[in-house]
Amino acid sequence: MAHQRPHRNAGDMEVGVANVIRTASHQNQFHHAPPTIELPTWLERWEGIRPRWLVECFGEVLGVFLYTYLGIGASCAYLVTAAAKQDGGGSLLETGFAYALGIVFGVLVSGPTSGSHLSPGYTISFALYKGFPWRKVPQYILSQLLGAFLAALVVYGAYKQPLDAIIAKLQVSAPQDIYSATGPAGLFALLPMPDQGLGYAFMTEIFATTLLSIMVFTVLDMSNPFISYPSAPILIGMGYASVIWAYSPVSLVLNTARDLGGRFVARIFFGPGAFPAKYTALAVFTNILGTMLGGAIQILFLADSTRPLVNQPTPPPTVSAPAEVHRVVARQDGSDGGALEMGFGEKKPNPYSSERTSNSSAV
């Protein structure tokens, strides 16, 4: 497809949210201006030896951490102030905005490094539909789970005292509410509403994640003339917030990493009641299925590979770009280019080039 690409060159951004900005970023012909101040020797050495997989995984850990930290933190503020009968400590509106801003900040921080997937559902979908290497999928998902777990752990530490006070009261009056959707454990993981059936929760989750995925893939479609690349993180964040405002009162996950990472924290501090088998399976797998379904709908029925890319770069004939920039442009105009750099030191031939190498690795 015209809007997709062979795997990335050294220095390019990974497949993901960065897709929507990489075309515009190449308009200026040069990746960046040469630094005016010489880098310290130790920093040059570190950048030369650090493994690409390490920085990509760290980007996913940090991006999911920001998203989860702000989102669960706002949810805790809502519950704690409501239990203390204090005004102004939180609301569903503020929780939605917290998750939205967490996604925006996560994309801004991790996008240039890892592509900012932030969710196992999108990592798998990018591998299915966008050419993201399958060999990177396990490390991305583990990184996302780790980021969510660490964020939930930090949030629990910040709110431990008020949460302990709430649990102490509930153990006397209504111990079952500890493991409800509106209880302390429900802050960290999907738990059922009173008398909520599994089928009802499944349909809510599958519809919400499918529609959200259609929106995300539409935002990332570089041929969409209604999307400007600086607005992509904000639009995705507001899409999440809109779904949270509409359906979080009836239990919603949207992200396997955020739920499963938080669920492990809930299991550690609240007990085995945080891991009901059926609802845990629903939380882990349903939003991945919905994300894949939404991506398929957008790509099969809404995307069009024959549409021109928005802001497609056309280098002025009077400007001479460096060789590394010619390699980037070659993937779109077929002018030149040989093997493209991949992660882990592998090479893949440029399908737009007339020169191929017979021993190149394939994804």
Protein backbone atom coordinates (compact mmCIF):
# COMPACT_ATOMS: atom_id res chain seq x y z
CA MET A 1 0.00 0.00 0.00
CA ALA A 2 1.24 3.46 -0.84
CA HIS A 3 0.91 4.80 2.66
CA GLN A 4 2.91 1.96 4.16
CA ARG A 5 6.64 1.41 3.92
CA PRO A 6 9.41 -1.16 4.17
CA HIS A 7 10.98 -1.30 7.56
CA ARG A 8 12.71 1.74 8.84
CA ASN A 9 16.04 3.27 8.07
CA ALA A 10 18.50 4.01 10.86
CA GLY A 11 17.25 7.16 12.58
CA ASP A 12 13.67 6.80 11.35
CA MET A 13 10.74 6.58 13.74
CA GLU A 14 9.16 3.19 14.37
CA VAL A 15 5.79 2.10 12.96
CA GLY A 16 2.98 3.52 15.07
CA VAL A 17 1.65 6.96 15.89
CA ALA A 18 4.85 8.36 14.36
CA ASN A 19 3.55 7.28 10.93
CA VAL A 20 1.40 10.40 10.69
CA ILE A 21 4.31 12.78 11.23
CA ARG A 22 7.19 11.10 9.43
CA THR A 23 6.05 12.27 5.98
CA ALA A 24 5.87 15.91 7.02
CA SER A 25 9.14 15.64 8.93
CA HIS A 26 10.92 14.73 5.70
CA GLN A 27 9.70 17.82 3.88
CA ASN A 28 12.69 19.83 4.97
CA GLN A 29 15.07 17.41 3.20
CA PHE A 30 17.36 17.09 6.23
CA HIS A 31 16.75 15.01 9.36
CA HIS A 32 18.19 17.74 11.57
CA ALA A 33 20.80 20.45 11.50
CA PRO A 34 24.31 19.52 12.62
CA PRO A 35 24.77 20.28 16.32
CA THR A 36 26.42 23.61 16.98
CA ILE A 37 28.01 22.28 20.19
CA GLU A 38 30.06 19.11 20.15
CA LEU A 39 28.52 16.33 22.20
CA PRO A 40 30.41 15.00 25.22
CA THR A 41 32.49 11.96 24.42
CA TRP A 42 30.59 9.74 26.85
CA LEU A 43 27.29 10.64 25.20
CA GLU A 44 28.60 9.90 21.72
CA ARG A 45 29.88 6.54 22.93
CA TRP A 46 26.59 5.71 24.62
CA GLU A 47 24.56 6.56 21.53
CA GLY A 48 26.91 4.40 19.50
CA ILE A 49 26.67 1.30 21.68
CA ARG A 50 23.13 1.36 23.07
CA PRO A 51 20.95 -1.37 21.53
CA ARG A 52 17.99 -0.16 19.50
CA TRP A 53 15.69 -2.69 21.17
CA LEU A 54 16.58 -1.20 24.56
CA VAL A 55 15.58 2.36 23.71
CA GLU A 56 12.41 1.17 21.93
CA CYS A 57 11.35 -0.89 24.92
CA PHE A 58 12.17 1.95 27.29
CA GLY A 59 10.05 4.27 25.16
CA GLU A 60 7.06 1.93 25.49
CA VAL A 61 7.59 1.54 29.24
CA LEU A 62 7.70 5.29 29.75
CA GLY A 63 4.81 6.06 27.39
CA VAL A 64 2.47 3.56 29.08
CA PHE A 65 3.70 4.71 32.48
CA LEU A 66 2.63 8.30 31.77
CA TYR A 67 -0.77 7.23 30.42
CA THR A 68 -1.47 4.88 33.34
CA TYR A 69 0.01 7.10 36.02
CA LEU A 70 -2.19 10.06 35.18
CA GLY A 71 -5.32 8.01 34.46
CA ILE A 72 -5.31 5.79 37.55
CA GLY A 73 -4.14 8.72 39.65
CA ALA A 74 -7.19 10.76 38.62
CA SER A 75 -9.46 7.78 39.34
CA CYS A 76 -7.95 7.42 42.81
CA ALA A 77 -8.43 11.13 43.48
CA TYR A 78 -12.09 10.77 42.49
CA LEU A 79 -12.72 7.82 44.84
CA VAL A 80 -10.74 9.17 47.78
CA THR A 81 -12.36 12.60 47.78
CA ALA A 82 -15.82 11.11 47.26
CA ALA A 83 -15.31 8.77 50.21
CA ALA A 84 -14.16 11.69 52.34
CA LYS A 85 -17.14 13.74 51.09
CA GLN A 86 -14.84 16.46 49.81
CA ASP A 87 -15.74 18.65 46.85
CA GLY A 88 -13.48 19.42 43.91
CA GLY A 89 -11.22 16.38 44.26
CA GLY A 90 -12.15 14.69 41.02
CA SER A 91 -14.89 13.75 38.61
CA LEU A 92 -15.51 11.57 35.57
CA LEU A 93 -14.76 14.60 33.39
CA GLU A 94 -11.38 15.12 35.03
CA THR A 95 -10.57 11.41 34.83
CA GLY A 96 -11.26 11.41 31.09
CA PHE A 97 -9.03 14.42 30.59
CA ALA A 98 -6.29 12.82 32.69
CA TYR A 99 -6.26 9.73 30.48
CA ALA A 100 -6.36 11.91 27.37
CA LEU A 101 -3.41 14.03 28.49
CA GLY A 102 -1.56 10.91 29.57
CA ILE A 103 -1.89 9.55 26.05
CA VAL A 104 -0.80 12.87 24.53
CA PHE A 105 2.27 13.03 26.77
CA GLY A 106 3.01 9.34 26.19
CA VAL A 107 2.91 9.82 22.42
CA LEU A 108 5.10 12.93 22.57
CA VAL A 109 7.70 11.22 24.76
CA SER A 110 7.86 7.76 23.19
CA GLY A 111 6.68 8.36 19.62
CA PRO A 112 10.06 9.30 18.11
CA THR A 113 11.70 6.29 19.79
CA SER A 114 9.25 3.40 19.71
CA GLY A 115 6.35 4.59 17.55
CA SER A 116 4.24 4.95 20.71
CA HIS A 117 2.00 1.91 20.48
CA LEU A 118 1.12 2.03 24.22
CA SER A 119 -1.20 -0.96 23.90
CA PRO A 120 -0.80 -4.65 22.99
CA GLY A 121 -3.85 -4.37 20.73
CA TYR A 122 -2.19 -1.71 18.59
CA THR A 123 1.17 -3.48 18.55
CA ILE A 124 -0.47 -6.62 17.17
CA SER A 125 -2.59 -4.59 14.74
CA PHE A 126 0.44 -2.69 13.44
CA ALA A 127 2.15 -6.03 12.84
CA LEU A 128 -0.91 -7.31 10.96
CA TYR A 129 -1.65 -4.24 8.87
CA LYS A 130 1.35 -1.88 8.87
CA GLY A 131 4.41 -4.08 8.51
CA PHE A 132 5.62 -3.81 12.09
CA PRO A 133 8.07 -6.72 12.64
CA TRP A 134 6.50 -9.68 14.45
CA ARG A 135 9.80 -10.37 16.19
CA LYS A 136 9.36 -7.09 18.08
CA VAL A 137 5.81 -7.78 19.24
CA PRO A 138 6.67 -9.77 22.42
CA GLN A 139 9.19 -7.23 23.70
CA TYR A 140 6.80 -4.34 23.03
CA ILE A 141 3.94 -6.05 24.88
CA LEU A 142 6.14 -6.95 27.85
CA SER A 143 7.40 -3.36 27.98
CA GLN A 144 3.83 -2.03 27.98
CA LEU A 145 2.84 -4.37 30.80
CA LEU A 146 5.88 -3.30 32.80
CA GLY A 147 5.10 0.39 32.30
CA ALA A 148 1.51 -0.06 33.49
CA PHE A 149 2.59 -2.18 36.47
CA LEU A 150 5.16 0.39 37.60
CA ALA A 151 2.71 3.26 37.20
CA ALA A 152 -0.02 1.45 39.17
CA LEU A 153 2.54 0.64 41.86
CA VAL A 154 3.56 4.29 42.18
CA VAL A 155 -0.06 5.45 42.26
CA TYR A 156 -0.92 2.92 44.96
CA GLY A 157 2.04 4.15 47.02
CA ALA A 158 0.83 7.73 46.74
CA TYR A 159 -2.74 6.85 47.79
CA LYS A 160 -1.99 3.98 50.18
CA GLN A 161 -3.11 5.69 53.37
CA PRO A 162 -6.53 6.93 52.17
CA LEU A 163 -7.14 3.64 50.32
CA ASP A 164 -6.33 1.67 53.47
CA ALA A 165 -8.84 3.78 55.40
CA ILE A 166 -11.53 3.11 52.77
CA ILE A 167 -10.80 -0.63 52.81
CA ALA A 168 -10.99 -0.73 56.60
CA LYS A 169 -14.49 0.78 56.50
CA LEU A 170 -15.64 -1.52 53.69
CA GLN A 171 -14.40 -4.63 55.51
CA VAL A 172 -16.88 -3.83 58.25
CA SER A 173 -19.85 -2.63 56.21
CA ALA A 174 -19.61 -4.22 52.74
CA PRO A 175 -16.44 -6.28 52.10
CA GLN A 176 -17.65 -7.33 48.65
CA ASP A 177 -17.47 -3.71 47.51
CA ILE A 178 -13.67 -3.78 47.75
CA TYR A 179 -13.71 -5.86 44.56
CA SER A 180 -16.40 -3.92 42.74
CA ALA A 181 -16.04 -1.65 39.74
CA THR A 182 -16.36 1.38 42.02
CA GLY A 183 -14.22 -0.02 44.86
CA PRO A 184 -10.49 0.27 45.56
CA ALA A 185 -9.53 -2.78 43.48
CA GLY A 186 -11.69 -1.50 40.62
CA LEU A 187 -9.43 1.53 40.33
CA PHE A 188 -6.64 -0.68 39.03
CA ALA A 189 -8.47 -3.37 37.04
CA LEU A 190 -11.75 -4.10 35.30
CA LEU A 191 -14.22 -5.57 37.78
CA PRO A 192 -17.92 -6.16 37.18
CA MET A 193 -20.70 -3.84 38.15
CA PRO A 194 -23.35 -5.33 40.46
CA ASP A 195 -25.37 -7.93 38.55
CA GLN A 196 -23.44 -7.18 35.34
CA GLY A 197 -23.36 -10.17 33.01
CA LEU A 198 -20.25 -11.26 31.17
CA GLY A 199 -21.96 -10.92 27.79
CA TYR A 200 -23.03 -7.37 28.58
CA ALA A 201 -19.47 -6.40 29.52
CA PHE A 202 -18.13 -8.11 26.39
CA MET A 203 -20.44 -6.22 24.04
CA THR A 204 -19.65 -2.90 25.71
CA GLU A 205 -15.92 -3.51 25.39
CA ILE A 206 -15.95 -4.82 21.83
CA PHE A 207 -18.05 -1.95 20.48
CA ALA A 208 -16.04 0.71 22.32
CA THR A 209 -12.63 -0.61 21.29
CA THR A 210 -13.67 -1.27 17.69
CA LEU A 211 -14.97 2.26 17.17
CA LEU A 212 -11.97 3.74 18.97
CA SER A 213 -9.61 1.72 16.77
CA ILE A 214 -11.34 2.95 13.61
CA MET A 215 -10.77 6.50 14.82
CA VAL A 216 -7.11 5.89 15.68
CA PHE A 217 -6.32 4.23 12.35
CA THR A 218 -8.12 7.06 10.56
CA VAL A 219 -5.98 9.62 12.38
CA LEU A 220 -2.85 7.69 11.41
CA ASP A 221 -3.86 7.52 7.74
CA MET A 222 -1.34 9.84 6.08
CA SER A 223 -3.64 10.34 3.10
CA ASN A 224 -6.41 11.84 5.27
CA PRO A 225 -6.59 15.55 4.32
CA PHE A 226 -8.51 16.44 7.48
CA ILE A 227 -5.67 15.47 9.84
CA SER A 228 -2.70 17.71 10.53
CA TYR A 229 0.26 15.89 12.03
CA PRO A 230 0.58 18.05 15.20
CA SER A 231 -3.05 17.27 16.06
CA ALA A 232 -2.70 13.48 15.96
CA PRO A 233 -1.77 12.91 19.65
CA ILE A 234 -4.53 15.28 20.80
CA LEU A 235 -7.17 13.67 18.59
CA ILE A 236 -6.24 10.18 19.78
CA GLY A 237 -6.25 11.30 23.41
CA MET A 238 -9.64 12.96 23.04
CA GLY A 239 -10.98 9.84 21.36
CA TYR A 240 -10.03 7.85 24.43
CA ALA A 241 -11.51 10.49 26.72
CA SER A 242 -14.81 10.47 24.82
CA VAL A 243 -15.18 6.70 25.19
CA ILE A 244 -14.28 6.92 28.90
CA TRP A 245 -16.86 9.62 29.51
CA ALA A 246 -19.53 7.61 27.74
CA TYR A 247 -18.93 4.07 28.99
CA SER A 248 -16.58 3.87 31.97
CA PRO A 249 -19.54 3.82 34.42
CA VAL A 250 -20.42 0.36 33.03
CA SER A 251 -16.81 -0.93 33.15
CA LEU A 252 -14.31 -0.40 30.36
CA VAL A 253 -10.72 -1.51 29.71
CA LEU A 254 -9.58 -0.20 26.28
CA ASN A 255 -5.98 -1.27 26.97
CA THR A 256 -4.77 -4.71 28.01
CA ALA A 257 -1.49 -3.37 29.37
CA ARG A 258 -3.14 -0.77 31.57
CA ASP A 259 -5.60 -3.34 32.97
CA LEU A 260 -3.31 -6.33 33.41
CA GLY A 261 -0.44 -4.28 34.83
CA GLY A 262 -2.82 -2.62 37.28
CA ARG A 263 -4.46 -5.95 38.06
CA PHE A 264 -1.17 -7.41 39.26
CA VAL A 265 -0.82 -4.47 41.64
CA ALA A 266 -4.40 -4.98 42.85
CA ARG A 267 -3.66 -8.68 43.42
CA ILE A 268 -0.58 -7.84 45.49
CA PHE A 269 -2.30 -5.35 47.78
CA PHE A 270 -6.00 -6.29 47.72
CA GLY A 271 -5.90 -10.06 47.40
CA PRO A 272 -7.03 -12.74 44.92
CA GLY A 273 -10.45 -11.13 44.48
CA ALA A 274 -8.82 -8.79 41.93
CA PHE A 275 -8.37 -11.74 39.55
CA PRO A 276 -11.84 -13.14 38.75
CA ALA A 277 -11.10 -15.61 35.97
CA LYS A 278 -13.82 -14.69 33.46
CA TYR A 279 -13.53 -10.92 33.77
CA THR A 280 -9.74 -11.10 33.67
CA ALA A 281 -9.88 -13.03 30.39
CA LEU A 282 -12.40 -10.53 29.03
CA ALA A 283 -10.19 -7.60 30.01
CA VAL A 284 -7.06 -9.15 28.50
CA PHE A 285 -8.40 -10.36 25.14
CA THR A 286 -11.55 -8.45 24.18
CA ASN A 287 -9.98 -5.05 23.56
CA ILE A 288 -7.20 -6.68 21.50
CA LEU A 289 -9.88 -8.29 19.33
CA GLY A 290 -11.77 -4.99 19.05
CA THR A 291 -8.60 -3.09 18.13
CA MET A 292 -7.76 -5.58 15.39
CA LEU A 293 -11.34 -5.46 14.11
CA GLY A 294 -11.40 -1.66 14.01
CA GLY A 295 -8.06 -1.54 12.20
CA ALA A 296 -9.34 -4.04 9.63
CA ILE A 297 -12.50 -2.02 9.02
CA GLN A 298 -10.55 1.19 8.47
CA ILE A 299 -7.94 -0.36 6.19
CA LEU A 300 -10.30 -2.55 4.15
CA PHE A 301 -13.23 -0.15 3.73
CA LEU A 302 -12.07 3.41 4.49
CA ALA A 303 -8.40 3.63 3.48
CA ASP A 304 -7.32 3.99 -0.15
CA SER A 305 -3.71 3.39 -1.09
CA THR A 306 -4.18 5.32 -4.35
CA ARG A 307 -4.89 8.59 -2.58
CA PRO A 308 -1.90 10.95 -2.50
CA LEU A 309 -0.09 11.39 0.79
CA VAL A 310 -0.88 14.64 2.54
CA ASN A 311 2.20 16.91 2.56
CA GLN A 312 4.06 14.41 0.39
CA PRO A 313 7.63 15.69 0.14
CA THR A 314 8.88 16.84 -3.25
CA PRO A 315 12.51 17.97 -2.96
CA PRO A 316 13.25 21.19 -4.83
CA PRO A 317 15.62 20.46 -7.76
CA THR A 318 18.02 23.17 -6.62
CA VAL A 319 18.51 21.64 -3.18
CA SER A 320 21.08 18.91 -2.72
CA ALA A 321 20.22 16.67 0.20
CA PRO A 322 22.66 14.43 2.07
CA ALA A 323 22.92 10.78 1.06
CA GLU A 324 20.96 9.57 4.10
CA VAL A 325 18.04 11.79 3.07
CA HIS A 326 18.14 10.40 -0.48
CA ARG A 327 17.69 6.95 1.04
CA VAL A 328 14.53 8.14 2.81
CA VAL A 329 13.11 9.80 -0.30
CA ALA A 330 13.95 6.75 -2.40
CA ARG A 331 11.30 4.73 -0.63
CA GLN A 332 8.66 7.02 -2.09
CA ASP A 333 9.92 8.27 -5.43
CA GLY A 334 12.01 5.23 -6.46
CA SER A 335 15.05 7.34 -7.28
CA ASP A 336 17.69 5.25 -5.57
CA GLY A 337 18.50 3.30 -2.43
CA GLY A 338 19.67 -0.16 -1.61
CA ALA A 339 19.33 -2.10 1.61
CA LEU A 340 17.40 -0.39 4.38
CA GLU A 341 18.56 -0.57 7.98
CA MET A 342 16.41 -2.62 10.33
CA GLY A 343 16.54 -3.30 14.03
CA PHE A 344 19.06 -5.80 15.42
CA GLY A 345 21.49 -5.01 12.59
CA GLU A 346 19.52 -6.78 9.85
CA LYS A 347 19.13 -5.41 6.33
CA LYS A 348 16.12 -5.46 4.07
CA PRO A 349 16.19 -4.53 0.36
CA ASN A 350 14.28 -1.47 -0.69
CA PRO A 351 11.36 -2.69 -2.85
CA TYR A 352 11.32 0.66 -4.63
CA SER A 353 14.90 0.30 -5.73
CA SER A 354 16.10 -1.38 -8.89
CA GLU A 355 19.02 -2.84 -6.97
CA ARG A 356 18.27 -5.84 -4.75
CA THR A 357 20.49 -7.96 -2.57
CA SER A 358 19.96 -11.68 -2.66
CA ASN A 359 20.98 -12.41 0.93
CA SER A 360 18.92 -9.78 2.75
CA SER A 361 16.75 -10.77 5.69
CA ALA A 362 12.99 -10.42 5.49
CA VAL A 363 10.57 -9.53 8.23
